[in-house]
Amino acid sequence: MNLVNIELLYSLVPLFLCIVVAMLIVSTIRLRQQTQNQNRKINQLNEELNALLSCSRGISERLHSHQYQFQNITHRQDKLEVSEQGHGGYKQAIALFNRGASEDEMLSTCDLSRGEINLIAHLQKAKSKNQYQKI
């Protein structure tokens, strides 16, 4: 190659290097902008995630409260059912007494003790006397 071509080549090298540096600067600026945008999005997503976590904690607390209330209601209902079952024998014994059943029949039919049967019979007799006295 001749000397002019080599000098021209050497004179173009700095221009080429300037273009490469300019392109690198532009790329760096773009990457910084993208990084800033991504950081903003990450911060926004973190805020939304924290809001969702806070909301889920509130829902969880309400759920536990409702479960506790449900357990209490179920327990009270079970108690009521047991107490109603306990009174069913009394109602049945009164009905049998009013139909003229003997105490032994009431004992075998109802799940009550002899003392309870005697008490029911006594109270029903007293009730009958009071009704006749009012007439």
N, C-alpha and C. Protein backbone atom coordinates (compact mmCIF):
# COMPACT_ATOMS: atom_id res chain seq x y z
N MET A 1 0.84 -1.17 0.00
CA MET A 1 0.00 0.00 0.00
C MET A 1 0.88 1.23 0.00
N ASN A 2 0.28 2.22 -0.45
CA ASN A 2 1.10 3.41 -0.52
C ASN A 2 0.93 4.24 0.74
N LEU A 3 1.76 5.17 0.88
CA LEU A 3 1.84 5.99 2.08
C LEU A 3 0.61 6.83 2.30
N VAL A 4 -0.01 7.29 1.27
CA VAL A 4 -1.22 8.12 1.37
C VAL A 4 -2.36 7.28 1.95
N ASN A 5 -2.47 6.09 1.51
CA ASN A 5 -3.54 5.22 2.02
C ASN A 5 -3.33 4.91 3.51
N ILE A 6 -2.08 4.72 3.87
CA ILE A 6 -1.81 4.42 5.28
C ILE A 6 -2.11 5.65 6.13
N GLU A 7 -1.74 6.83 5.65
CA GLU A 7 -2.03 8.06 6.40
C GLU A 7 -3.54 8.28 6.49
N LEU A 8 -4.24 8.01 5.45
CA LEU A 8 -5.70 8.14 5.46
C LEU A 8 -6.30 7.17 6.46
N LEU A 9 -5.78 5.97 6.47
CA LEU A 9 -6.27 4.97 7.41
C LEU A 9 -6.00 5.40 8.85
N TYR A 10 -4.81 5.93 9.10
CA TYR A 10 -4.50 6.40 10.44
C TYR A 10 -5.34 7.60 10.84
N SER A 11 -5.72 8.41 9.91
CA SER A 11 -6.56 9.57 10.22
C SER A 11 -8.01 9.15 10.48
N LEU A 12 -8.44 8.02 9.90
CA LEU A 12 -9.81 7.54 10.10
C LEU A 12 -9.97 6.75 11.41
N VAL A 13 -8.90 6.23 11.96
CA VAL A 13 -8.97 5.44 13.19
C VAL A 13 -9.55 6.28 14.34
N PRO A 14 -9.10 7.51 14.58
CA PRO A 14 -9.71 8.29 15.67
C PRO A 14 -11.20 8.56 15.42
N LEU A 15 -11.56 8.80 14.17
CA LEU A 15 -12.98 9.02 13.85
C LEU A 15 -13.78 7.76 14.16
N PHE A 16 -13.24 6.62 13.77
CA PHE A 16 -13.91 5.35 14.05
C PHE A 16 -14.04 5.13 15.56
N LEU A 17 -12.98 5.40 16.30
CA LEU A 17 -13.01 5.25 17.75
C LEU A 17 -14.03 6.20 18.39
N CYS A 18 -14.14 7.42 17.89
CA CYS A 18 -15.14 8.38 18.40
C CYS A 18 -16.55 7.86 18.17
N ILE A 19 -16.77 7.29 17.00
CA ILE A 19 -18.10 6.74 16.69
C ILE A 19 -18.41 5.58 17.64
N VAL A 20 -17.44 4.70 17.86
CA VAL A 20 -17.64 3.57 18.76
C VAL A 20 -17.92 4.06 20.18
N VAL A 21 -17.16 5.06 20.64
CA VAL A 21 -17.37 5.61 21.99
C VAL A 21 -18.75 6.24 22.08
N ALA A 22 -19.18 6.98 21.06
CA ALA A 22 -20.50 7.60 21.06
C ALA A 22 -21.59 6.53 21.13
N MET A 23 -21.42 5.46 20.38
CA MET A 23 -22.41 4.37 20.41
C MET A 23 -22.45 3.72 21.80
N LEU A 24 -21.29 3.55 22.42
CA LEU A 24 -21.23 2.98 23.76
C LEU A 24 -21.91 3.90 24.78
N ILE A 25 -21.71 5.20 24.62
CA ILE A 25 -22.35 6.15 25.53
C ILE A 25 -23.86 6.10 25.38
N VAL A 26 -24.35 6.07 24.15
CA VAL A 26 -25.80 5.99 23.90
C VAL A 26 -26.36 4.70 24.48
N SER A 27 -25.66 3.60 24.28
CA SER A 27 -26.11 2.31 24.81
C SER A 27 -26.13 2.34 26.34
N THR A 28 -25.12 2.94 26.94
CA THR A 28 -25.07 3.04 28.40
C THR A 28 -26.23 3.87 28.93
N ILE A 29 -26.53 4.97 28.27
CA ILE A 29 -27.66 5.82 28.69
C ILE A 29 -28.97 5.05 28.59
N ARG A 30 -29.16 4.33 27.51
CA ARG A 30 -30.38 3.53 27.34
C ARG A 30 -30.49 2.45 28.43
N LEU A 31 -29.38 1.77 28.70
CA LEU A 31 -29.39 0.74 29.73
C LEU A 31 -29.71 1.34 31.11
N ARG A 32 -29.16 2.52 31.40
CA ARG A 32 -29.47 3.18 32.67
C ARG A 32 -30.96 3.51 32.76
N GLN A 33 -31.51 4.02 31.66
CA GLN A 33 -32.95 4.34 31.65
C GLN A 33 -33.79 3.07 31.86
N GLN A 34 -33.42 2.00 31.17
CA GLN A 34 -34.15 0.74 31.34
C GLN A 34 -34.03 0.24 32.78
N THR A 35 -32.84 0.35 33.36
CA THR A 35 -32.63 -0.07 34.74
C THR A 35 -33.49 0.76 35.69
N GLN A 36 -33.55 2.07 35.47
CA GLN A 36 -34.38 2.93 36.31
C GLN A 36 -35.86 2.57 36.17
N ASN A 37 -36.30 2.34 34.94
CA ASN A 37 -37.70 1.94 34.73
C ASN A 37 -38.01 0.61 35.42
N GLN A 38 -37.10 -0.33 35.29
CA GLN A 38 -37.31 -1.63 35.94
C GLN A 38 -37.31 -1.49 37.46
N ASN A 39 -36.43 -0.65 37.99
CA ASN A 39 -36.42 -0.42 39.44
C ASN A 39 -37.74 0.21 39.90
N ARG A 40 -38.27 1.15 39.11
CA ARG A 40 -39.57 1.75 39.45
C ARG A 40 -40.67 0.69 39.45
N LYS A 41 -40.66 -0.16 38.43
CA LYS A 41 -41.66 -1.23 38.36
C LYS A 41 -41.51 -2.20 39.53
N ILE A 42 -40.28 -2.53 39.88
CA ILE A 42 -40.04 -3.43 41.02
C ILE A 42 -40.58 -2.80 42.30
N ASN A 43 -40.31 -1.51 42.50
CA ASN A 43 -40.82 -0.83 43.69
C ASN A 43 -42.34 -0.81 43.71
N GLN A 44 -42.94 -0.55 42.56
CA GLN A 44 -44.40 -0.54 42.47
C GLN A 44 -44.97 -1.93 42.78
N LEU A 45 -44.35 -2.96 42.21
CA LEU A 45 -44.80 -4.33 42.48
C LEU A 45 -44.62 -4.71 43.95
N ASN A 46 -43.53 -4.25 44.56
CA ASN A 46 -43.32 -4.50 45.99
C ASN A 46 -44.41 -3.84 46.83
N GLU A 47 -44.79 -2.61 46.47
CA GLU A 47 -45.87 -1.93 47.19
C GLU A 47 -47.19 -2.68 47.02
N GLU A 48 -47.47 -3.13 45.81
CA GLU A 48 -48.70 -3.89 45.57
C GLU A 48 -48.68 -5.22 46.34
N LEU A 49 -47.53 -5.87 46.35
CA LEU A 49 -47.39 -7.12 47.08
C LEU A 49 -47.60 -6.91 48.58
N ASN A 50 -47.03 -5.83 49.12
CA ASN A 50 -47.23 -5.53 50.54
C ASN A 50 -48.70 -5.25 50.84
N ALA A 51 -49.38 -4.55 49.93
CA ALA A 51 -50.81 -4.29 50.12
C ALA A 51 -51.60 -5.59 50.11
N LEU A 52 -51.27 -6.49 49.18
CA LEU A 52 -51.95 -7.79 49.12
C LEU A 52 -51.68 -8.62 50.38
N LEU A 53 -50.45 -8.60 50.86
CA LEU A 53 -50.12 -9.34 52.08
C LEU A 53 -50.89 -8.79 53.27
N SER A 54 -50.97 -7.48 53.35
CA SER A 54 -51.73 -6.86 54.44
C SER A 54 -53.20 -7.25 54.36
N CYS A 55 -53.73 -7.23 53.16
CA CYS A 55 -55.13 -7.61 52.96
C CYS A 55 -55.34 -9.08 53.32
N SER A 56 -54.42 -9.93 52.91
CA SER A 56 -54.58 -11.36 53.20
C SER A 56 -54.48 -11.62 54.70
N ARG A 57 -53.65 -10.84 55.41
CA ARG A 57 -53.58 -10.99 56.87
C ARG A 57 -54.92 -10.63 57.49
N GLY A 58 -55.53 -9.55 57.01
CA GLY A 58 -56.84 -9.16 57.52
C GLY A 58 -57.89 -10.22 57.25
N ILE A 59 -57.87 -10.76 56.06
CA ILE A 59 -58.83 -11.82 55.71
C ILE A 59 -58.58 -13.05 56.57
N SER A 60 -57.32 -13.38 56.78
CA SER A 60 -56.98 -14.54 57.60
C SER A 60 -57.48 -14.36 59.04
N GLU A 61 -57.30 -13.15 59.58
CA GLU A 61 -57.79 -12.89 60.94
C GLU A 61 -59.31 -13.00 61.00
N ARG A 62 -59.99 -12.47 59.99
CA ARG A 62 -61.45 -12.57 59.97
C ARG A 62 -61.89 -14.02 59.84
N LEU A 63 -61.17 -14.80 59.02
CA LEU A 63 -61.50 -16.21 58.86
C LEU A 63 -61.35 -16.95 60.18
N HIS A 64 -60.24 -16.68 60.89
CA HIS A 64 -60.05 -17.33 62.19
C HIS A 64 -61.15 -16.92 63.17
N SER A 65 -61.54 -15.66 63.13
CA SER A 65 -62.62 -15.19 64.00
C SER A 65 -63.92 -15.91 63.68
N HIS A 66 -64.22 -16.05 62.39
CA HIS A 66 -65.46 -16.75 61.99
C HIS A 66 -65.40 -18.23 62.36
N GLN A 67 -64.23 -18.84 62.22
CA GLN A 67 -64.09 -20.24 62.60
C GLN A 67 -64.32 -20.41 64.10
N TYR A 68 -63.78 -19.48 64.89
CA TYR A 68 -63.97 -19.54 66.34
C TYR A 68 -65.45 -19.38 66.68
N GLN A 69 -66.12 -18.42 66.03
CA GLN A 69 -67.55 -18.23 66.27
C GLN A 69 -68.33 -19.48 65.85
N PHE A 70 -67.97 -20.06 64.73
CA PHE A 70 -68.65 -21.26 64.25
C PHE A 70 -68.49 -22.40 65.25
N GLN A 71 -67.28 -22.56 65.78
CA GLN A 71 -67.05 -23.62 66.77
C GLN A 71 -67.89 -23.38 68.02
N ASN A 72 -67.97 -22.11 68.45
CA ASN A 72 -68.79 -21.80 69.63
C ASN A 72 -70.26 -22.10 69.36
N ILE A 73 -70.73 -21.71 68.19
CA ILE A 73 -72.14 -21.96 67.84
C ILE A 73 -72.41 -23.46 67.77
N THR A 74 -71.50 -24.19 67.16
CA THR A 74 -71.66 -25.65 67.07
C THR A 74 -71.68 -26.28 68.46
N HIS A 75 -70.79 -25.81 69.32
CA HIS A 75 -70.74 -26.34 70.68
C HIS A 75 -72.04 -26.04 71.43
N ARG A 76 -72.52 -24.80 71.30
CA ARG A 76 -73.78 -24.44 71.97
C ARG A 76 -74.94 -25.24 71.40
N GLN A 77 -74.95 -25.45 70.09
CA GLN A 77 -76.02 -26.24 69.47
C GLN A 77 -75.99 -27.67 70.00
N ASP A 78 -74.78 -28.23 70.11
CA ASP A 78 -74.67 -29.59 70.65
C ASP A 78 -75.20 -29.65 72.08
N LYS A 79 -74.89 -28.63 72.88
CA LYS A 79 -75.40 -28.60 74.26
C LYS A 79 -76.92 -28.54 74.27
N LEU A 80 -77.48 -27.69 73.37
CA LEU A 80 -78.94 -27.58 73.31
C LEU A 80 -79.58 -28.90 72.89
N GLU A 81 -78.97 -29.56 71.91
CA GLU A 81 -79.53 -30.83 71.46
C GLU A 81 -79.49 -31.87 72.57
N VAL A 82 -78.41 -31.88 73.34
CA VAL A 82 -78.31 -32.83 74.45
C VAL A 82 -79.36 -32.51 75.50
N SER A 83 -79.54 -31.21 75.81
CA SER A 83 -80.53 -30.86 76.83
C SER A 83 -81.94 -31.14 76.34
N GLU A 84 -82.19 -30.94 75.04
CA GLU A 84 -83.52 -31.26 74.50
C GLU A 84 -83.78 -32.76 74.55
N GLN A 85 -82.74 -33.53 74.28
CA GLN A 85 -82.90 -34.98 74.35
C GLN A 85 -83.20 -35.41 75.78
N GLY A 86 -82.58 -34.73 76.74
CA GLY A 86 -82.82 -35.06 78.14
C GLY A 86 -84.25 -34.76 78.56
N HIS A 87 -84.87 -33.75 77.99
CA HIS A 87 -86.24 -33.40 78.35
C HIS A 87 -87.27 -34.23 77.60
N GLY A 88 -86.86 -34.91 76.56
CA GLY A 88 -87.80 -35.73 75.79
C GLY A 88 -88.41 -36.84 76.63
N GLY A 89 -87.62 -37.40 77.55
CA GLY A 89 -88.12 -38.45 78.42
C GLY A 89 -89.22 -37.94 79.35
N TYR A 90 -89.05 -36.71 79.82
CA TYR A 90 -90.06 -36.11 80.70
C TYR A 90 -91.38 -35.91 79.95
N LYS A 91 -91.25 -35.37 78.75
CA LYS A 91 -92.47 -35.13 77.95
C LYS A 91 -93.19 -36.44 77.66
N GLN A 92 -92.41 -37.45 77.33
CA GLN A 92 -93.00 -38.76 77.02
C GLN A 92 -93.66 -39.35 78.27
N ALA A 93 -93.01 -39.20 79.43
CA ALA A 93 -93.58 -39.74 80.67
C ALA A 93 -94.87 -39.02 81.03
N ILE A 94 -94.93 -37.70 80.84
CA ILE A 94 -96.15 -36.94 81.12
C ILE A 94 -97.28 -37.40 80.20
N ALA A 95 -96.94 -37.58 78.92
CA ALA A 95 -97.97 -38.03 77.97
C ALA A 95 -98.48 -39.42 78.35
N LEU A 96 -97.58 -40.32 78.74
CA LEU A 96 -97.99 -41.66 79.15
C LEU A 96 -98.84 -41.60 80.42
N PHE A 97 -98.47 -40.76 81.36
CA PHE A 97 -99.24 -40.63 82.60
C PHE A 97 -100.65 -40.14 82.29
N ASN A 98 -100.73 -39.13 81.41
CA ASN A 98 -102.05 -38.57 81.04
C ASN A 98 -102.91 -39.61 80.33
N ARG A 99 -102.30 -40.60 79.69
CA ARG A 99 -103.07 -41.66 79.03
C ARG A 99 -103.40 -42.80 79.99
N GLY A 100 -102.92 -42.67 81.24
CA GLY A 100 -103.27 -43.68 82.23
C GLY A 100 -102.27 -44.80 82.37
N ALA A 101 -101.05 -44.62 81.88
CA ALA A 101 -100.03 -45.67 81.99
C ALA A 101 -99.56 -45.79 83.43
N SER A 102 -99.15 -46.98 83.81
CA SER A 102 -98.64 -47.20 85.17
C SER A 102 -97.20 -46.71 85.25
N GLU A 103 -96.72 -46.58 86.50
CA GLU A 103 -95.34 -46.13 86.68
C GLU A 103 -94.35 -47.13 86.10
N ASP A 104 -94.65 -48.40 86.19
CA ASP A 104 -93.76 -49.42 85.63
C ASP A 104 -93.68 -49.30 84.11
N GLU A 105 -94.81 -49.02 83.47
CA GLU A 105 -94.80 -48.82 82.01
C GLU A 105 -93.96 -47.59 81.65
N MET A 106 -94.13 -46.53 82.46
CA MET A 106 -93.36 -45.31 82.21
C MET A 106 -91.87 -45.57 82.40
N LEU A 107 -91.51 -46.37 83.40
CA LEU A 107 -90.10 -46.71 83.64
C LEU A 107 -89.50 -47.48 82.48
N SER A 108 -90.25 -48.42 81.95
CA SER A 108 -89.71 -49.24 80.86
C SER A 108 -89.65 -48.46 79.54
N THR A 109 -90.55 -47.50 79.36
CA THR A 109 -90.60 -46.76 78.10
C THR A 109 -89.64 -45.56 78.10
N CYS A 110 -89.64 -44.80 79.18
CA CYS A 110 -88.83 -43.58 79.25
C CYS A 110 -87.50 -43.88 79.93
N ASP A 111 -86.52 -43.13 79.61
CA ASP A 111 -85.19 -43.31 80.21
C ASP A 111 -85.09 -42.43 81.45
N LEU A 112 -85.93 -42.72 82.46
CA LEU A 112 -85.96 -41.94 83.69
C LEU A 112 -85.87 -42.87 84.89
N SER A 113 -85.46 -42.29 86.02
CA SER A 113 -85.38 -43.08 87.25
C SER A 113 -86.76 -43.18 87.90
N ARG A 114 -86.88 -44.08 88.86
CA ARG A 114 -88.16 -44.25 89.56
C ARG A 114 -88.53 -42.96 90.29
N GLY A 115 -87.54 -42.28 90.86
CA GLY A 115 -87.80 -41.02 91.56
C GLY A 115 -88.37 -39.97 90.62
N GLU A 116 -87.81 -39.89 89.40
CA GLU A 116 -88.33 -38.93 88.42
C GLU A 116 -89.75 -39.29 88.01
N ILE A 117 -90.02 -40.56 87.83
CA ILE A 117 -91.38 -41.01 87.46
C ILE A 117 -92.36 -40.67 88.59
N ASN A 118 -91.95 -40.94 89.84
CA ASN A 118 -92.81 -40.61 90.99
C ASN A 118 -93.09 -39.12 91.06
N LEU A 119 -92.04 -38.32 90.82
CA LEU A 119 -92.21 -36.86 90.85
C LEU A 119 -93.17 -36.40 89.76
N ILE A 120 -93.02 -36.93 88.56
CA ILE A 120 -93.92 -36.57 87.46
C ILE A 120 -95.35 -36.97 87.80
N ALA A 121 -95.53 -38.16 88.34
CA ALA A 121 -96.88 -38.62 88.69
C ALA A 121 -97.48 -37.72 89.76
N HIS A 122 -96.69 -37.37 90.76
CA HIS A 122 -97.17 -36.51 91.84
C HIS A 122 -97.56 -35.13 91.30
N LEU A 123 -96.69 -34.55 90.46
CA LEU A 123 -96.98 -33.22 89.90
C LEU A 123 -98.21 -33.25 88.99
N GLN A 124 -98.36 -34.30 88.22
CA GLN A 124 -99.51 -34.39 87.32
C GLN A 124 -100.81 -34.56 88.12
N LYS A 125 -100.75 -35.31 89.21
CA LYS A 125 -101.93 -35.47 90.07
C LYS A 125 -102.30 -34.13 90.70
N ALA A 126 -101.27 -33.40 91.16
CA ALA A 126 -101.53 -32.09 91.77
C ALA A 126 -102.09 -31.12 90.74
N LYS A 127 -101.59 -31.20 89.53
CA LYS A 127 -102.09 -30.34 88.46
C LYS A 127 -103.55 -30.67 88.16
N SER A 128 -103.87 -31.94 88.14
CA SER A 128 -105.27 -32.36 87.89
C SER A 128 -106.19 -31.85 88.99
N LYS A 129 -105.76 -31.94 90.25
CA LYS A 129 -106.58 -31.46 91.37
C LYS A 129 -106.82 -29.96 91.25
N ASN A 130 -105.78 -29.21 90.87
CA ASN A 130 -105.92 -27.76 90.73
C ASN A 130 -106.90 -27.42 89.62
N GLN A 131 -106.88 -28.18 88.55
CA GLN A 131 -107.81 -27.91 87.45
C GLN A 131 -109.25 -28.20 87.88
N TYR A 132 -109.47 -29.24 88.67
CA TYR A 132 -110.83 -29.57 89.14
C TYR A 132 -111.30 -28.53 90.15
N GLN A 133 -110.40 -28.00 90.96
CA GLN A 133 -110.80 -27.02 91.96
C GLN A 133 -111.20 -25.70 91.31
N LYS A 134 -110.60 -25.37 90.17
CA LYS A 134 -110.92 -24.13 89.47
C LYS A 134 -112.30 -24.21 88.84
N ILE A 135 -112.74 -25.39 88.53
CA ILE A 135 -114.03 -25.58 87.86
C ILE A 135 -115.09 -25.46 88.85
